[in-house]
């Protein structure tokens, strides 16, 4: 039965990665603080007995899509100080894996433009669904004007 639970969990993670994001409301330009410290992957891992490492490796394969937003902050859930001129992102809580994605590099594409950034923070689930990223002002502005507020993105681990 334990093997079945692990396979079901991996299938769920893979399916979540393939689901496209809901339509994006581009009329908002809200900037918010992103410092959530709890992980959905950790909760799943502890309830199923599956290691967080297994969940994270299943998530690290392939590409993802979602919405890209931007934020201003000075330190995130990874504990590394940064500023809005750094090429960084806050990864959605569902894929963050606690702090296991801290320091990983992602390649983000939108509107034919691509930027590479480092994961330094967690974007809370109420702001970022699975597949979504919250970018620093510097990273976002390489893809679209800050006034756009929200963009459709595709991304993968670099």
C-alpha atoms as a PDB file:
ATOM      1  CA  UNK A   1       0.000   0.000   0.000  1.00  0.00           C
ATOM      2  CA  UNK A   2       2.904   2.392   0.759  1.00  0.00           C
ATOM      3  CA  UNK A   3       4.234   1.978  -2.806  1.00  0.00           C
ATOM      4  CA  UNK A   4       0.780   2.801  -4.178  1.00  0.00           C
ATOM      5  CA  UNK A   5       0.682   6.004  -2.070  1.00  0.00           C
ATOM      6  CA  UNK A   6       4.121   7.065  -3.353  1.00  0.00           C
ATOM      7  CA  UNK A   7       3.158   6.398  -6.975  1.00  0.00           C
ATOM      8  CA  UNK A   8      -0.126   8.248  -6.514  1.00  0.00           C
ATOM      9  CA  UNK A   9       1.744  11.206  -5.011  1.00  0.00           C
ATOM     10  CA  UNK A  10       4.277  11.307  -7.868  1.00  0.00           C
ATOM     11  CA  UNK A  11       1.454  11.094 -10.414  1.00  0.00           C
ATOM     12  CA  UNK A  12      -0.326  13.967  -8.660  1.00  0.00           C
ATOM     13  CA  UNK A  13       2.833  16.098  -8.712  1.00  0.00           C
ATOM     14  CA  UNK A  14       3.375  15.339 -12.410  1.00  0.00           C
ATOM     15  CA  UNK A  15      -0.253  16.134 -13.228  1.00  0.00           C
ATOM     16  CA  UNK A  16      -0.078  19.422 -11.322  1.00  0.00           C
ATOM     17  CA  UNK A  17       2.941  20.404 -13.412  1.00  0.00           C
ATOM     18  CA  UNK A  18       1.012  19.789 -16.643  1.00  0.00           C
ATOM     19  CA  UNK A  19      -2.119  21.751 -15.726  1.00  0.00           C
ATOM     20  CA  UNK A  20      -2.102  25.154 -17.338  1.00  0.00           C
ATOM     21  CA  UNK A  21      -2.689  28.280 -15.296  1.00  0.00           C
ATOM     22  CA  UNK A  22      -6.088  29.947 -15.088  1.00  0.00           C
ATOM     23  CA  UNK A  23      -6.665  33.069 -17.191  1.00  0.00           C
ATOM     24  CA  UNK A  24      -4.651  35.990 -15.895  1.00  0.00           C
ATOM     25  CA  UNK A  25      -6.174  39.280 -14.802  1.00  0.00           C
ATOM     26  CA  UNK A  26      -3.724  41.869 -16.133  1.00  0.00           C
ATOM     27  CA  UNK A  27      -5.602  44.849 -14.702  1.00  0.00           C
ATOM     28  CA  UNK A  28      -3.832  44.763 -11.334  1.00  0.00           C
ATOM     29  CA  UNK A  29      -0.364  46.011 -10.464  1.00  0.00           C
ATOM     30  CA  UNK A  30      -0.363  45.120  -6.775  1.00  0.00           C
ATOM     31  CA  UNK A  31       3.037  44.688  -5.145  1.00  0.00           C
ATOM     32  CA  UNK A  32       3.188  42.561  -2.024  1.00  0.00           C
ATOM     33  CA  UNK A  33       5.521  41.090   0.552  1.00  0.00           C
ATOM     34  CA  UNK A  34       6.360  37.388   0.082  1.00  0.00           C
ATOM     35  CA  UNK A  35       7.842  35.658   3.088  1.00  0.00           C
ATOM     36  CA  UNK A  36       5.759  32.521   3.745  1.00  0.00           C
ATOM     37  CA  UNK A  37       7.732  29.797   5.460  1.00  0.00           C
ATOM     38  CA  UNK A  38       5.491  26.712   5.259  1.00  0.00           C
ATOM     39  CA  UNK A  39       5.677  24.125   2.520  1.00  0.00           C
ATOM     40  CA  UNK A  40       2.904  22.108   0.938  1.00  0.00           C
ATOM     41  CA  UNK A  41       5.502  19.527  -0.108  1.00  0.00           C
ATOM     42  CA  UNK A  42       6.566  19.128   3.539  1.00  0.00           C
ATOM     43  CA  UNK A  43       2.955  18.617   4.605  1.00  0.00           C
ATOM     44  CA  UNK A  44       2.405  16.023   1.857  1.00  0.00           C
ATOM     45  CA  UNK A  45       5.672  14.280   2.701  1.00  0.00           C
ATOM     46  CA  UNK A  46       4.889  13.993   6.393  1.00  0.00           C
ATOM     47  CA  UNK A  47       1.337  12.741   5.802  1.00  0.00           C
ATOM     48  CA  UNK A  48       2.302  10.093   3.221  1.00  0.00           C
ATOM     49  CA  UNK A  49       5.710   9.034   4.464  1.00  0.00           C
ATOM     50  CA  UNK A  50       7.252  10.044   1.117  1.00  0.00           C
ATOM     51  CA  UNK A  51      10.508  11.941   1.405  1.00  0.00           C
ATOM     52  CA  UNK A  52      10.480  15.631   0.531  1.00  0.00           C
ATOM     53  CA  UNK A  53      13.508  14.924  -1.686  1.00  0.00           C
ATOM     54  CA  UNK A  54      11.403  12.538  -3.849  1.00  0.00           C
ATOM     55  CA  UNK A  55       8.714  15.187  -4.281  1.00  0.00           C
ATOM     56  CA  UNK A  56      11.253  17.881  -5.159  1.00  0.00           C
ATOM     57  CA  UNK A  57      13.013  15.696  -7.756  1.00  0.00           C
ATOM     58  CA  UNK A  58       9.685  14.914  -9.413  1.00  0.00           C
ATOM     59  CA  UNK A  59       8.983  18.650  -9.580  1.00  0.00           C
ATOM     60  CA  UNK A  60      12.423  19.520 -10.944  1.00  0.00           C
ATOM     61  CA  UNK A  61      11.832  17.639 -14.197  1.00  0.00           C
ATOM     62  CA  UNK A  62      10.220  19.453 -17.108  1.00  0.00           C
ATOM     63  CA  UNK A  63       8.860  22.912 -17.614  1.00  0.00           C
ATOM     64  CA  UNK A  64       6.089  24.790 -15.871  1.00  0.00           C
ATOM     65  CA  UNK A  65       3.691  27.592 -16.687  1.00  0.00           C
ATOM     66  CA  UNK A  66       1.823  30.093 -14.587  1.00  0.00           C
ATOM     67  CA  UNK A  67       1.674  33.762 -13.839  1.00  0.00           C
ATOM     68  CA  UNK A  68       4.604  36.020 -13.196  1.00  0.00           C
ATOM     69  CA  UNK A  69       4.301  38.924 -10.794  1.00  0.00           C
ATOM     70  CA  UNK A  70       6.891  41.177  -9.158  1.00  0.00           C
ATOM     71  CA  UNK A  71       7.729  42.073  -5.589  1.00  0.00           C
ATOM     72  CA  UNK A  72       9.896  44.285  -3.424  1.00  0.00           C
ATOM     73  CA  UNK A  73      11.550  42.901  -0.307  1.00  0.00           C
ATOM     74  CA  UNK A  74      14.985  42.632   1.290  1.00  0.00           C
ATOM     75  CA  UNK A  75      15.168  39.092   2.737  1.00  0.00           C
ATOM     76  CA  UNK A  76      13.131  35.981   2.045  1.00  0.00           C
ATOM     77  CA  UNK A  77      12.457  32.482   3.332  1.00  0.00           C
ATOM     78  CA  UNK A  78      15.925  31.330   2.222  1.00  0.00           C
ATOM     79  CA  UNK A  79      17.516  33.787   4.657  1.00  0.00           C
ATOM     80  CA  UNK A  80      19.696  35.458   2.010  1.00  0.00           C
ATOM     81  CA  UNK A  81      19.553  39.274   1.869  1.00  0.00           C
ATOM     82  CA  UNK A  82      18.793  40.756  -1.547  1.00  0.00           C
ATOM     83  CA  UNK A  83      17.408  43.866  -3.193  1.00  0.00           C
ATOM     84  CA  UNK A  84      15.133  44.633  -6.109  1.00  0.00           C
ATOM     85  CA  UNK A  85      18.101  44.957  -8.496  1.00  0.00           C
ATOM     86  CA  UNK A  86      19.064  41.285  -8.022  1.00  0.00           C
ATOM     87  CA  UNK A  87      17.933  38.676 -10.541  1.00  0.00           C
ATOM     88  CA  UNK A  88      15.857  36.599  -8.108  1.00  0.00           C
ATOM     89  CA  UNK A  89      12.451  34.954  -7.717  1.00  0.00           C
ATOM     90  CA  UNK A  90      10.109  33.787  -5.006  1.00  0.00           C
ATOM     91  CA  UNK A  91       8.923  30.300  -5.986  1.00  0.00           C
ATOM     92  CA  UNK A  92       5.328  29.289  -5.387  1.00  0.00           C
ATOM     93  CA  UNK A  93       4.813  27.530  -2.062  1.00  0.00           C
ATOM     94  CA  UNK A  94       3.545  24.308  -3.670  1.00  0.00           C
ATOM     95  CA  UNK A  95       6.831  23.725  -5.514  1.00  0.00           C
ATOM     96  CA  UNK A  96       9.255  25.334  -3.055  1.00  0.00           C
ATOM     97  CA  UNK A  97       9.765  22.220  -0.876  1.00  0.00           C
ATOM     98  CA  UNK A  98      10.460  24.135   2.350  1.00  0.00           C
ATOM     99  CA  UNK A  99      13.881  25.586   1.603  1.00  0.00           C
ATOM    100  CA  UNK A 100      15.051  22.824  -0.745  1.00  0.00           C
ATOM    101  CA  UNK A 101      14.792  25.077  -3.822  1.00  0.00           C
ATOM    102  CA  UNK A 102      16.810  27.904  -2.238  1.00  0.00           C
ATOM    103  CA  UNK A 103      19.695  28.852  -4.513  1.00  0.00           C
ATOM    104  CA  UNK A 104      18.389  26.909  -7.532  1.00  0.00           C
ATOM    105  CA  UNK A 105      18.421  28.728 -10.855  1.00  0.00           C
ATOM    106  CA  UNK A 106      15.346  29.036 -13.073  1.00  0.00           C
ATOM    107  CA  UNK A 107      15.036  30.156 -16.695  1.00  0.00           C
ATOM    108  CA  UNK A 108      11.828  32.154 -17.244  1.00  0.00           C
ATOM    109  CA  UNK A 109      10.311  32.989 -20.634  1.00  0.00           C
ATOM    110  CA  UNK A 110       7.502  35.402 -21.486  1.00  0.00           C
ATOM    111  CA  UNK A 111       6.623  37.202 -24.701  1.00  0.00           C
ATOM    112  CA  UNK A 112       9.678  35.840 -26.499  1.00  0.00           C
ATOM    113  CA  UNK A 113      12.080  37.145 -23.835  1.00  0.00           C
ATOM    114  CA  UNK A 114      14.063  35.010 -21.377  1.00  0.00           C
ATOM    115  CA  UNK A 115      15.677  35.765 -18.033  1.00  0.00           C
ATOM    116  CA  UNK A 116      17.612  33.595 -15.578  1.00  0.00           C
ATOM    117  CA  UNK A 117      17.110  34.124 -11.842  1.00  0.00           C
ATOM    118  CA  UNK A 118      17.967  32.520  -8.504  1.00  0.00           C
ATOM    119  CA  UNK A 119      15.334  31.253  -6.028  1.00  0.00           C
ATOM    120  CA  UNK A 120      15.628  33.200  -2.754  1.00  0.00           C
ATOM    121  CA  UNK A 121      12.102  33.302  -1.352  1.00  0.00           C
ATOM    122  CA  UNK A 122       8.683  31.638  -1.177  1.00  0.00           C
ATOM    123  CA  UNK A 123       5.552  33.159  -2.675  1.00  0.00           C
ATOM    124  CA  UNK A 124       2.551  32.263  -0.450  1.00  0.00           C
ATOM    125  CA  UNK A 125      -0.162  30.103  -1.998  1.00  0.00           C
ATOM    126  CA  UNK A 126      -2.757  32.888  -1.760  1.00  0.00           C
ATOM    127  CA  UNK A 127      -0.642  34.862  -4.285  1.00  0.00           C
ATOM    128  CA  UNK A 128       1.093  32.170  -6.355  1.00  0.00           C
ATOM    129  CA  UNK A 129      -0.493  28.959  -7.596  1.00  0.00           C
ATOM    130  CA  UNK A 130       1.664  25.998  -8.568  1.00  0.00           C
ATOM    131  CA  UNK A 131       3.701  27.030 -11.616  1.00  0.00           C
ATOM    132  CA  UNK A 132       3.689  30.738 -10.756  1.00  0.00           C
ATOM    133  CA  UNK A 133       6.707  32.817  -9.740  1.00  0.00           C
ATOM    134  CA  UNK A 134       7.074  36.208  -8.052  1.00  0.00           C
ATOM    135  CA  UNK A 135      10.038  37.984  -9.678  1.00  0.00           C
ATOM    136  CA  UNK A 136      12.241  40.802  -8.433  1.00  0.00           C
ATOM    137  CA  UNK A 137      11.688  44.132 -10.150  1.00  0.00           C
ATOM    138  CA  UNK A 138      14.947  43.614 -12.097  1.00  0.00           C
ATOM    139  CA  UNK A 139      13.959  40.157 -13.374  1.00  0.00           C
ATOM    140  CA  UNK A 140      10.375  41.160 -14.218  1.00  0.00           C
ATOM    141  CA  UNK A 141      11.467  44.282 -16.103  1.00  0.00           C
ATOM    142  CA  UNK A 142      13.610  42.125 -18.437  1.00  0.00           C
ATOM    143  CA  UNK A 143      10.378  40.395 -19.528  1.00  0.00           C
ATOM    144  CA  UNK A 144       7.810  43.214 -19.437  1.00  0.00           C
ATOM    145  CA  UNK A 145       7.307  46.756 -18.131  1.00  0.00           C
ATOM    146  CA  UNK A 146       6.615  46.817 -14.376  1.00  0.00           C
ATOM    147  CA  UNK A 147       3.299  48.560 -15.081  1.00  0.00           C
ATOM    148  CA  UNK A 148       2.061  45.351 -16.706  1.00  0.00           C
ATOM    149  CA  UNK A 149       1.872  43.832 -13.213  1.00  0.00           C
ATOM    150  CA  UNK A 150       1.061  40.245 -14.207  1.00  0.00           C
ATOM    151  CA  UNK A 151       2.366  38.208 -17.164  1.00  0.00           C
ATOM    152  CA  UNK A 152       2.055  34.655 -18.419  1.00  0.00           C
ATOM    153  CA  UNK A 153       5.314  32.763 -17.933  1.00  0.00           C
ATOM    154  CA  UNK A 154       6.918  29.458 -18.782  1.00  0.00           C
ATOM    155  CA  UNK A 155       9.913  28.344 -16.749  1.00  0.00           C
ATOM    156  CA  UNK A 156      12.261  25.487 -16.036  1.00  0.00           C
ATOM    157  CA  UNK A 157      15.174  24.761 -13.775  1.00  0.00           C
ATOM    158  CA  UNK A 158      18.404  25.870 -15.442  1.00  0.00           C
END
